[in-house]
Amino acid sequence: MLAGLATILHARAAGDATALITPDPAFARGLATLKEAAGFIEDQTNAPSTDWKPNLQLIVGVKAVEGAKQTIYFVQLTTLSPPPTNSLGQPWQPGQRTNDWSWSPTNKTRFITALYPVRVRVFDESGRQLKQGQTPMAWGMLTNGLLDLCRLSLETHRGQTNREGAVAKTDETGKSPKPDPRKNEPLMRATGGGFLWMFGMFGDLQTVPTVADVWGKAQCAIRWPSAWSIAKSFFKGFTIVLMPRTEQVTLVSRNTDAAGPRYRLPVELSSDNRKLSNVEIIVGPAHGAEMLLAGIRSVRARHPTTPKQEFLAQTLAAGSVQEEK
């Protein structure tokens, strides 16, 4: 009976994750308008590039559901040509962000990412432009860190790979050993690189007033911390923890898919042992404009006690546009 229940729950989770790969129908009309207005060129290359260049564009659909009320936005990210020189008259070079990551007293590493200028535009559900701004965003090796995190997590915790029929690892007793992810250096490096990159990316976007209304809608999927946690914050500060549930990573689609493997990464948002939101991230290989969001295909957050309050951000199109005159 328990085994049957587990199978049903797994199938339901897989179905939910697969739905996050397919564009939400609520985005169809506005997306068509945006692509036509921008002269959008779909990325259909057989030799995907991870090199930075101007005029790459990514279109993200955002849907916030609060009971019977639904709000739709589109966020358009476009890489811009940098100025020939900096403020000192020297040849322009991308800025750099440096993060240190340690998972034990003797295991430490440093990640350095280059920052390039990106234009941010926000549109309503009909494709009408609301706001425009600009921010530096990361581009480089770490932009596939989340994919590595998911791949290595699946192999570490479940002994699986991207191959059909993979056999789980067992010890001499025939049982699957409980792995210690902290002893897996590649996994810990990927965890640090992927999440440090993601924090930086969200931080860059949050500093742009252009997307303030979009972020505001995300609050519908978050439960406010308890009154006691807020009261304590006056004395010792307020801490929100974003914890990747690497042991729960699942493979949504395999290498046989033209888009490559895609993974479901559950993330728990909590404060003072109180769950604030249930978050699911779908991650795939990144190239071209997809590098801006590290191959994130979708992010769905649900209120932990009010399921009808949900926030969805979904990558809808990746390609390029003609340079604006």
Protein backbone atom coordinates (compact mmCIF):
# COMPACT_ATOMS: atom_id res chain seq x y z
CA MET A 1 0.00 0.00 0.00
CA LEU A 2 2.78 2.42 0.94
CA ALA A 3 4.69 1.51 -2.20
CA GLY A 4 1.60 2.22 -4.29
CA LEU A 5 1.13 5.58 -2.60
CA ALA A 6 4.77 6.48 -3.25
CA THR A 7 4.34 5.62 -6.93
CA ILE A 8 1.25 7.84 -7.20
CA LEU A 9 3.01 10.75 -5.49
CA HIS A 10 6.08 10.35 -7.69
CA ALA A 11 3.95 10.29 -10.85
CA ARG A 12 2.08 13.38 -9.71
CA ALA A 13 5.34 15.22 -8.98
CA ALA A 14 6.71 14.22 -12.38
CA GLY A 15 3.54 15.46 -14.06
CA ASP A 16 3.75 18.80 -12.25
CA ALA A 17 7.38 19.20 -13.27
CA THR A 18 6.64 18.34 -16.90
CA ALA A 19 3.91 20.99 -16.91
CA LEU A 20 6.53 23.55 -15.90
CA ILE A 21 8.48 22.81 -19.10
CA THR A 22 5.50 23.52 -21.35
CA PRO A 23 4.72 27.26 -21.71
CA ASP A 24 1.67 28.27 -19.68
CA PRO A 25 -1.26 29.08 -22.04
CA ALA A 26 -1.76 32.36 -20.18
CA PHE A 27 1.40 33.70 -21.86
CA ALA A 28 0.51 32.85 -25.47
CA ARG A 29 -1.13 36.12 -26.65
CA GLY A 30 1.31 38.53 -25.05
CA LEU A 31 4.35 36.50 -26.12
CA ALA A 32 3.33 36.60 -29.79
CA THR A 33 2.93 40.38 -29.58
CA LEU A 34 6.33 40.83 -27.94
CA LYS A 35 8.20 38.67 -30.43
CA GLU A 36 6.66 40.44 -33.39
CA ALA A 37 7.33 43.92 -32.01
CA ALA A 38 10.96 43.13 -31.16
CA GLY A 39 11.78 41.39 -34.44
CA PHE A 40 12.67 38.37 -32.33
CA ILE A 41 14.85 35.69 -33.96
CA GLU A 42 14.40 32.27 -32.35
CA ASP A 43 17.59 30.48 -31.35
CA GLN A 44 17.65 27.40 -33.57
CA THR A 45 21.39 26.90 -34.01
CA ASN A 46 22.80 23.37 -34.09
CA ALA A 47 26.03 24.59 -32.54
CA PRO A 48 24.91 26.40 -29.39
CA SER A 49 27.31 29.08 -28.17
CA THR A 50 28.05 30.16 -24.61
CA ASP A 51 29.97 33.28 -25.71
CA TRP A 52 28.68 36.68 -24.66
CA LYS A 53 27.58 39.10 -27.38
CA PRO A 54 25.13 42.01 -27.62
CA ASN A 55 21.50 41.71 -28.79
CA LEU A 56 20.80 38.32 -27.25
CA GLN A 57 17.31 38.31 -25.79
CA LEU A 58 15.40 36.24 -23.27
CA ILE A 59 11.65 36.59 -22.63
CA VAL A 60 10.28 35.44 -19.27
CA GLY A 61 6.59 35.11 -18.45
CA VAL A 62 5.48 35.84 -14.90
CA LYS A 63 2.11 34.78 -13.43
CA ALA A 64 0.90 35.52 -9.92
CA VAL A 65 -2.26 33.79 -8.72
CA GLU A 66 -4.09 34.98 -5.61
CA GLY A 67 -7.24 32.90 -5.40
CA ALA A 68 -9.44 33.96 -8.31
CA LYS A 69 -7.19 36.90 -9.22
CA GLN A 70 -4.44 36.42 -11.81
CA THR A 71 -1.73 38.91 -12.84
CA ILE A 72 0.51 38.47 -15.90
CA TYR A 73 3.80 40.22 -16.66
CA PHE A 74 6.56 39.70 -19.21
CA VAL A 75 10.20 40.49 -18.44
CA GLN A 76 12.46 40.99 -21.46
CA LEU A 77 16.25 40.76 -20.95
CA THR A 78 18.53 41.98 -23.76
CA THR A 79 22.34 42.07 -23.73
CA LEU A 80 23.67 45.51 -24.65
CA SER A 81 26.80 46.74 -26.44
CA PRO A 82 29.14 48.11 -23.77
CA PRO A 83 30.70 51.56 -24.20
CA PRO A 84 34.11 51.62 -25.92
CA THR A 85 35.74 53.18 -22.84
CA ASN A 86 35.09 53.46 -19.12
CA SER A 87 34.70 56.64 -17.06
CA LEU A 88 38.51 57.05 -17.00
CA GLY A 89 38.80 56.88 -20.77
CA GLN A 90 40.36 53.42 -20.66
CA PRO A 91 39.19 50.49 -22.82
CA TRP A 92 36.01 49.06 -21.28
CA GLN A 93 36.30 45.77 -19.41
CA PRO A 94 33.44 43.84 -17.80
CA GLY A 95 33.09 44.23 -14.06
CA GLN A 96 33.76 41.26 -11.84
CA ARG A 97 31.97 39.65 -8.92
CA THR A 98 33.99 37.52 -6.51
CA ASN A 99 32.46 35.04 -4.07
CA ASP A 100 34.24 32.73 -1.63
CA TRP A 101 32.65 29.39 -0.76
CA SER A 102 33.74 26.98 1.98
CA TRP A 103 31.96 23.78 3.06
CA SER A 104 34.54 22.67 5.65
CA PRO A 105 37.58 24.21 7.38
CA THR A 106 39.87 22.72 4.74
CA ASN A 107 37.67 22.92 1.62
CA LYS A 108 37.38 26.38 0.12
CA THR A 109 37.08 27.78 -3.36
CA ARG A 110 36.60 31.14 -5.07
CA PHE A 111 34.25 31.97 -7.94
CA ILE A 112 34.77 34.98 -10.20
CA THR A 113 32.15 36.00 -12.76
CA ALA A 114 32.16 38.75 -15.39
CA LEU A 115 29.32 41.30 -15.43
CA TYR A 116 27.86 42.68 -18.67
CA PRO A 117 25.18 45.35 -19.28
CA VAL A 118 21.62 44.08 -19.76
CA ARG A 119 18.46 46.03 -20.57
CA VAL A 120 15.37 45.06 -18.60
CA ARG A 121 11.88 45.79 -19.87
CA VAL A 122 8.57 44.86 -18.26
CA PHE A 123 5.31 44.42 -20.22
CA ASP A 124 1.74 43.73 -19.21
CA GLU A 125 -0.25 40.68 -20.32
CA SER A 126 -1.16 42.27 -23.67
CA GLY A 127 2.48 43.08 -24.51
CA ARG A 128 2.27 46.79 -23.67
CA GLN A 129 5.54 48.15 -22.26
CA LEU A 130 5.32 49.40 -18.68
CA LYS A 131 8.89 50.13 -17.57
CA GLN A 132 12.51 49.95 -18.71
CA GLY A 133 15.84 49.86 -16.89
CA GLN A 134 19.37 48.47 -17.02
CA THR A 135 21.55 46.32 -14.77
CA PRO A 136 24.84 44.39 -14.93
CA MET A 137 24.36 40.62 -15.01
CA ALA A 138 26.75 37.68 -14.70
CA TRP A 139 27.97 35.62 -17.63
CA GLY A 140 30.52 32.83 -17.56
CA MET A 141 31.41 29.37 -16.27
CA LEU A 142 29.06 29.48 -13.30
CA THR A 143 26.01 29.90 -15.47
CA ASN A 144 25.80 26.12 -15.80
CA GLY A 145 26.50 25.55 -12.13
CA LEU A 146 22.85 24.79 -11.36
CA LEU A 147 22.78 22.10 -14.04
CA ASP A 148 25.93 20.53 -12.58
CA LEU A 149 24.38 20.74 -9.12
CA CYS A 150 21.29 18.81 -10.26
CA ARG A 151 23.25 16.20 -12.25
CA LEU A 152 25.71 15.49 -9.43
CA SER A 153 22.98 15.49 -6.79
CA LEU A 154 21.03 12.82 -8.65
CA GLU A 155 24.13 10.67 -9.03
CA THR A 156 25.23 11.18 -5.42
CA HIS A 157 21.95 10.61 -3.60
CA ARG A 158 20.34 8.00 -5.86
CA GLY A 159 23.20 6.43 -7.74
CA GLN A 160 21.49 7.37 -11.01
CA THR A 161 22.72 8.99 -14.19
CA ASN A 162 21.07 10.37 -17.31
CA ARG A 163 21.08 6.89 -18.85
CA GLU A 164 17.97 4.75 -19.10
CA GLY A 165 18.14 1.70 -16.86
CA ALA A 166 20.87 3.04 -14.57
CA VAL A 167 21.40 0.84 -11.51
CA ALA A 168 21.50 2.33 -8.02
CA LYS A 169 24.73 1.99 -6.04
CA THR A 170 24.79 -0.61 -3.26
CA ASP A 171 27.25 -1.63 -0.55
CA GLU A 172 28.38 -5.13 0.47
CA THR A 173 25.06 -5.71 2.27
CA GLY A 174 23.09 -5.03 -0.89
CA LYS A 175 21.65 -1.81 0.53
CA SER A 176 22.06 1.67 -0.88
CA PRO A 177 24.56 3.53 1.34
CA LYS A 178 23.65 6.94 2.69
CA PRO A 179 26.03 9.38 0.98
CA ASP A 180 27.64 12.35 2.67
CA PRO A 181 27.43 15.17 0.09
CA ARG A 182 30.05 17.16 2.03
CA LYS A 183 32.66 14.58 1.02
CA ASN A 184 31.77 14.97 -2.65
CA GLU A 185 33.97 17.88 -3.78
CA PRO A 186 32.49 18.23 -7.31
CA LEU A 187 28.96 18.37 -5.86
CA MET A 188 29.91 20.92 -3.20
CA ARG A 189 31.67 23.10 -5.77
CA ALA A 190 28.60 22.94 -8.01
CA THR A 191 26.35 23.78 -5.05
CA GLY A 192 28.41 26.82 -4.16
CA GLY A 193 28.85 27.97 -7.75
CA GLY A 194 25.23 27.45 -8.74
CA PHE A 195 23.65 29.10 -5.72
CA LEU A 196 26.12 31.95 -5.40
CA TRP A 197 25.44 32.71 -9.05
CA MET A 198 21.67 32.53 -8.52
CA PHE A 199 21.79 34.83 -5.49
CA GLY A 200 23.83 37.31 -7.52
CA MET A 201 21.40 37.13 -10.45
CA PHE A 202 18.33 37.72 -8.28
CA GLY A 203 20.20 40.50 -6.48
CA ASP A 204 21.02 42.22 -9.78
CA LEU A 205 17.40 42.12 -10.90
CA GLN A 206 16.06 43.27 -7.52
CA THR A 207 18.15 46.43 -7.68
CA VAL A 208 16.32 47.55 -10.84
CA PRO A 209 13.21 49.64 -10.02
CA THR A 210 11.80 48.38 -13.32
CA VAL A 211 10.90 44.99 -11.84
CA ALA A 212 9.78 46.16 -8.39
CA ASP A 213 6.11 45.44 -9.16
CA VAL A 214 6.99 41.97 -10.44
CA TRP A 215 8.90 41.10 -7.26
CA GLY A 216 6.04 42.51 -5.23
CA LYS A 217 3.67 39.97 -6.76
CA ALA A 218 5.98 37.13 -5.67
CA GLN A 219 5.01 37.86 -2.08
CA CYS A 220 1.64 36.18 -2.64
CA ALA A 221 3.45 32.80 -2.52
CA ILE A 222 5.37 33.55 0.68
CA ARG A 223 4.12 33.17 4.23
CA TRP A 224 5.24 35.99 6.47
CA PRO A 225 7.54 34.97 9.36
CA SER A 226 5.94 34.56 12.77
CA ALA A 227 5.45 37.56 15.02
CA TRP A 228 8.02 36.06 17.40
CA SER A 229 10.66 35.85 14.63
CA ILE A 230 10.01 39.46 13.68
CA ALA A 231 10.25 40.54 17.33
CA LYS A 232 13.55 38.68 17.77
CA SER A 233 14.94 40.29 14.63
CA PHE A 234 15.14 43.62 16.47
CA PHE A 235 17.77 42.09 18.74
CA LYS A 236 19.73 39.59 16.64
CA GLY A 237 18.75 40.32 13.06
CA PHE A 238 16.42 38.54 10.68
CA THR A 239 17.56 35.52 8.69
CA ILE A 240 15.86 33.87 5.72
CA VAL A 241 17.34 30.58 4.57
CA LEU A 242 17.14 29.32 0.99
CA MET A 243 17.96 25.61 1.22
CA PRO A 244 18.40 23.42 -1.89
CA ARG A 245 16.93 19.95 -1.33
CA THR A 246 19.59 18.16 -3.34
CA GLU A 247 18.43 14.75 -2.12
CA GLN A 248 15.07 15.36 -3.83
CA VAL A 249 16.38 16.28 -7.31
CA THR A 250 14.61 14.42 -10.12
CA LEU A 251 15.23 14.10 -13.84
CA VAL A 252 12.29 15.53 -15.82
CA SER A 253 13.58 14.84 -19.33
CA ARG A 254 16.62 12.97 -20.59
CA ASN A 255 19.34 13.58 -23.19
CA THR A 256 17.08 12.17 -25.90
CA ASP A 257 15.13 15.43 -25.70
CA ALA A 258 16.33 18.05 -28.19
CA ALA A 259 16.66 20.57 -25.36
CA GLY A 260 18.93 18.25 -23.36
CA PRO A 261 18.36 16.96 -19.82
CA ARG A 262 16.17 19.02 -17.50
CA TYR A 263 15.98 18.61 -13.76
CA ARG A 264 13.57 19.52 -11.00
CA LEU A 265 15.32 21.12 -8.01
CA PRO A 266 13.16 21.64 -4.88
CA VAL A 267 14.19 24.59 -2.71
CA GLU A 268 12.86 25.42 0.74
CA LEU A 269 12.50 29.03 1.83
CA SER A 270 12.34 29.24 5.62
CA SER A 271 13.01 31.44 8.63
CA ASP A 272 13.53 30.29 12.20
CA ASN A 273 12.48 26.71 11.22
CA ARG A 274 9.24 28.06 9.74
CA LYS A 275 8.58 27.21 6.08
CA LEU A 276 7.84 30.38 4.12
CA SER A 277 7.34 28.93 0.64
CA ASN A 278 7.61 25.74 -1.40
CA VAL A 279 9.79 26.44 -4.44
CA GLU A 280 10.51 24.28 -7.49
CA ILE A 281 13.14 25.18 -10.08
CA ILE A 282 13.41 23.48 -13.48
CA VAL A 283 16.97 23.66 -14.85
CA GLY A 284 18.39 22.70 -18.24
CA PRO A 285 21.58 23.33 -20.25
CA ALA A 286 22.23 27.01 -20.94
CA HIS A 287 23.52 28.62 -24.10
CA GLY A 288 22.93 31.92 -25.88
CA ALA A 289 20.46 34.17 -24.07
CA GLU A 290 19.63 31.33 -21.65
CA MET A 291 22.98 32.03 -19.97
CA LEU A 292 21.41 35.10 -18.34
CA LEU A 293 19.28 32.85 -16.10
CA ALA A 294 21.73 29.92 -15.85
CA GLY A 295 19.45 27.61 -17.81
CA ILE A 296 16.53 28.10 -15.42
CA ARG A 297 13.40 27.13 -17.34
CA SER A 298 10.94 27.97 -14.60
CA VAL A 299 10.58 28.90 -10.95
CA ARG A 300 7.33 28.11 -9.17
CA ALA A 301 6.64 29.15 -5.59
CA ARG A 302 3.57 28.12 -3.62
CA HIS A 303 2.31 29.41 -0.29
CA PRO A 304 2.80 26.58 2.24
CA THR A 305 -0.68 26.89 3.78
CA THR A 306 -2.68 28.54 0.96
CA PRO A 307 -2.09 26.47 -2.23
CA LYS A 308 -4.20 28.83 -4.36
CA GLN A 309 -1.54 31.50 -3.92
CA GLU A 310 1.19 30.79 -6.45
CA PHE A 311 3.95 32.62 -8.32
CA LEU A 312 5.36 31.31 -11.61
CA ALA A 313 8.27 32.67 -13.66
CA GLN A 314 8.85 30.76 -16.90
CA THR A 315 11.41 31.18 -19.67
CA LEU A 316 9.38 31.41 -22.88
CA ALA A 317 11.82 32.29 -25.67
CA ALA A 318 15.57 32.60 -26.17
CA GLY A 319 17.12 34.14 -29.27
CA SER A 320 18.34 37.48 -30.59
CA VAL A 321 17.14 40.77 -32.02
CA GLN A 322 18.49 43.32 -34.46
CA GLU A 323 20.52 46.12 -32.88
CA GLU A 324 18.36 49.16 -32.21
CA LYS A 325 19.42 52.31 -34.06
